[in-house]
N, C-alpha and C. Protein backbone atom coordinates (compact mmCIF):
# COMPACT_ATOMS: atom_id res chain seq x y z
N MET A 1 -42.22 -72.20 -14.65
CA MET A 1 -41.40 -73.08 -14.36
C MET A 1 -40.69 -72.27 -15.51
N CYS A 2 -40.92 -72.05 -16.78
CA CYS A 2 -39.92 -72.25 -18.15
C CYS A 2 -39.73 -70.63 -17.92
N LYS A 3 -38.71 -69.67 -18.05
CA LYS A 3 -39.20 -68.64 -18.13
C LYS A 3 -38.19 -67.96 -19.69
N HIS A 4 -38.26 -67.50 -20.23
CA HIS A 4 -37.67 -67.01 -21.10
C HIS A 4 -36.33 -66.46 -20.87
N GLU A 5 -34.93 -66.87 -21.64
CA GLU A 5 -34.04 -66.78 -21.41
C GLU A 5 -33.27 -66.52 -19.93
N THR A 6 -34.57 -67.74 -19.30
CA THR A 6 -33.84 -68.23 -17.89
C THR A 6 -33.05 -69.05 -18.16
N ASN A 7 -34.60 -69.87 -18.46
CA ASN A 7 -34.53 -71.43 -18.66
C ASN A 7 -34.29 -72.44 -19.82
N VAL A 8 -34.74 -71.65 -20.46
CA VAL A 8 -35.37 -72.09 -22.14
C VAL A 8 -35.59 -70.13 -23.20
N LEU A 9 -35.55 -70.96 -24.08
CA LEU A 9 -35.88 -70.06 -25.34
C LEU A 9 -37.07 -69.61 -26.05
N ILE A 10 -37.87 -69.07 -25.94
CA ILE A 10 -39.30 -68.63 -26.06
C ILE A 10 -39.37 -67.61 -26.93
N ALA A 11 -39.89 -67.90 -28.56
CA ALA A 11 -40.20 -67.08 -29.87
C ALA A 11 -41.91 -67.47 -30.11
N ASP A 12 -42.65 -66.31 -30.19
CA ASP A 12 -43.28 -66.74 -31.29
C ASP A 12 -43.53 -66.73 -32.82
N LYS A 13 -42.35 -66.17 -33.38
CA LYS A 13 -41.88 -66.15 -34.33
C LYS A 13 -40.52 -66.47 -34.75
N PRO A 14 -40.36 -67.24 -35.84
CA PRO A 14 -38.99 -67.43 -36.10
C PRO A 14 -37.98 -65.92 -36.02
N GLU A 15 -38.15 -65.75 -36.51
CA GLU A 15 -37.08 -64.63 -36.74
C GLU A 15 -36.91 -63.85 -35.06
N ALA A 16 -37.72 -64.07 -34.27
CA ALA A 16 -37.65 -63.64 -32.91
C ALA A 16 -36.68 -65.34 -31.69
N PHE A 17 -37.14 -66.14 -32.67
CA PHE A 17 -35.88 -67.07 -32.45
C PHE A 17 -35.27 -66.90 -32.08
N ALA A 18 -34.77 -66.49 -33.61
CA ALA A 18 -33.37 -66.61 -33.99
C ALA A 18 -32.93 -65.39 -33.41
N HIS A 19 -32.98 -64.16 -33.16
CA HIS A 19 -32.57 -63.49 -32.63
C HIS A 19 -32.15 -63.95 -30.86
N ALA A 20 -33.00 -64.71 -30.64
CA ALA A 20 -32.48 -64.75 -29.24
C ALA A 20 -31.60 -65.91 -29.24
N LEU A 21 -31.07 -66.33 -29.78
CA LEU A 21 -31.06 -67.54 -30.13
C LEU A 21 -28.99 -67.12 -30.34
N ILE A 22 -29.32 -65.73 -31.59
CA ILE A 22 -28.23 -65.12 -31.94
C ILE A 22 -27.66 -64.73 -30.65
N ASN A 23 -28.16 -64.09 -29.87
CA ASN A 23 -28.04 -63.20 -28.12
C ASN A 23 -27.02 -64.13 -27.88
N VAL A 24 -27.50 -65.39 -27.00
CA VAL A 24 -27.27 -66.66 -26.44
C VAL A 24 -25.84 -67.06 -26.92
N LEU A 25 -25.24 -67.65 -28.94
CA LEU A 25 -24.81 -67.66 -28.86
C LEU A 25 -23.20 -66.46 -29.07
N ASN A 26 -23.29 -65.01 -28.79
CA ASN A 26 -22.70 -64.34 -28.60
C ASN A 26 -22.21 -64.07 -27.38
N SER A 27 -22.95 -64.66 -26.21
CA SER A 27 -22.23 -64.87 -25.10
C SER A 27 -21.87 -65.71 -24.41
N THR A 28 -20.69 -66.13 -23.40
CA THR A 28 -20.77 -67.56 -23.09
C THR A 28 -21.14 -67.08 -21.49
N THR A 29 -21.55 -66.20 -21.09
CA THR A 29 -22.00 -66.01 -19.52
C THR A 29 -23.90 -66.33 -20.07
N MET A 30 -24.08 -66.06 -20.65
CA MET A 30 -25.76 -66.01 -20.89
C MET A 30 -25.55 -67.28 -21.03
N ALA A 31 -25.03 -67.93 -21.83
CA ALA A 31 -25.02 -69.56 -22.57
C ALA A 31 -24.79 -70.45 -21.37
N ASN A 32 -23.79 -70.13 -20.44
CA ASN A 32 -23.90 -70.93 -19.69
C ASN A 32 -24.78 -71.02 -18.63
N LEU A 33 -25.39 -70.10 -17.60
CA LEU A 33 -26.35 -69.60 -17.55
C LEU A 33 -28.25 -70.10 -17.67
N LEU A 34 -27.83 -70.25 -18.78
CA LEU A 34 -29.00 -70.71 -19.78
C LEU A 34 -28.78 -72.79 -19.36
N ALA A 35 -28.03 -72.58 -19.57
CA ALA A 35 -27.39 -74.82 -19.74
C ALA A 35 -28.08 -74.61 -18.14
N GLN A 36 -26.81 -74.11 -17.01
CA GLN A 36 -27.30 -74.73 -15.47
C GLN A 36 -28.64 -73.95 -15.19
N ASN A 37 -29.05 -73.23 -15.74
CA ASN A 37 -30.93 -72.96 -15.39
C ASN A 37 -31.64 -73.74 -15.57
N ALA A 38 -31.27 -74.53 -17.23
CA ALA A 38 -32.28 -75.23 -17.67
C ALA A 38 -31.82 -77.14 -17.10
N ARG A 39 -30.54 -77.15 -16.59
CA ARG A 39 -30.23 -78.78 -16.17
C ARG A 39 -31.70 -78.42 -14.92
N GLN A 40 -31.38 -77.65 -13.69
CA GLN A 40 -32.01 -77.49 -12.95
C GLN A 40 -33.42 -77.65 -12.95
N THR A 41 -33.85 -77.64 -14.11
CA THR A 41 -35.46 -77.40 -14.15
C THR A 41 -35.30 -78.50 -14.57
N ILE A 42 -34.87 -79.16 -15.36
CA ILE A 42 -34.76 -81.16 -15.67
C ILE A 42 -34.98 -81.28 -14.30
N LEU A 43 -33.47 -81.45 -13.63
CA LEU A 43 -33.65 -81.67 -12.64
C LEU A 43 -34.93 -82.43 -11.45
N ASP A 44 -35.16 -80.58 -11.12
CA ASP A 44 -36.53 -80.28 -10.29
C ASP A 44 -37.16 -80.69 -10.46
N HIS A 45 -37.44 -81.54 -11.96
CA HIS A 45 -39.42 -80.80 -12.32
C HIS A 45 -39.34 -82.09 -13.26
N TYR A 46 -38.42 -82.83 -13.86
CA TYR A 46 -38.28 -83.76 -14.89
C TYR A 46 -37.77 -84.58 -14.73
N SER A 47 -37.06 -85.28 -13.32
CA SER A 47 -36.22 -86.31 -13.36
C SER A 47 -37.13 -87.27 -12.69
N TRP A 48 -36.85 -88.64 -12.59
CA TRP A 48 -37.56 -89.66 -12.06
C TRP A 48 -37.69 -89.55 -10.75
N GLU A 49 -36.68 -88.86 -10.14
CA GLU A 49 -36.40 -88.71 -8.39
C GLU A 49 -37.30 -87.77 -8.13
N SER A 50 -37.70 -86.19 -8.73
CA SER A 50 -38.84 -85.63 -8.58
C SER A 50 -39.67 -85.99 -8.94
N LYS A 51 -40.55 -87.24 -9.86
CA LYS A 51 -41.50 -87.31 -10.04
C LYS A 51 -42.07 -88.32 -9.39
N MET A 52 -41.20 -89.42 -8.51
CA MET A 52 -41.52 -90.50 -7.47
C MET A 52 -41.70 -89.80 -6.66
N GLU A 53 -40.62 -88.65 -5.56
CA GLU A 53 -41.24 -88.24 -4.37
C GLU A 53 -42.34 -88.49 -4.13
N PRO A 54 -43.31 -88.08 -4.51
CA PRO A 54 -44.73 -87.82 -4.08
C PRO A 54 -45.53 -88.75 -4.29
N PHE A 55 -45.29 -89.94 -4.80
CA PHE A 55 -45.46 -91.02 -4.68
C PHE A 55 -44.89 -91.78 -3.77
N ILE A 56 -43.72 -92.21 -2.96
CA ILE A 56 -42.98 -92.40 -2.42
C ILE A 56 -43.12 -91.49 -0.96
N LYS A 57 -43.67 -90.54 -0.47
CA LYS A 57 -44.22 -90.06 0.54
C LYS A 57 -45.75 -90.96 0.62
N THR A 58 -46.53 -90.88 0.09
CA THR A 58 -48.36 -91.13 -0.63
C THR A 58 -48.09 -93.47 -0.11
N LEU A 59 -47.08 -93.46 -0.63
CA LEU A 59 -47.05 -95.11 -0.07
C LEU A 59 -46.23 -95.14 1.49
N LYS A 60 -45.61 -94.04 2.33
CA LYS A 60 -44.99 -94.12 3.96
C LYS A 60 -46.23 -94.38 4.44
N GLN A 61 -47.34 -93.53 3.87
CA GLN A 61 -47.95 -92.80 4.91
C GLN A 61 -49.69 -93.67 5.42
């Protein structure tokens, strides 16, 4: 679901996170792609609609 530099920035150490963040700040293309992918991840996996869909399907059965 979450993938480094695809829809989130992940690092084990502060220096690694700082480096990843600097890369995003220096690349408008990467920043836009990261933002679009992060938003889609939220809509697909964490939105009200995505969480209610299985529940509604169960109720209709």
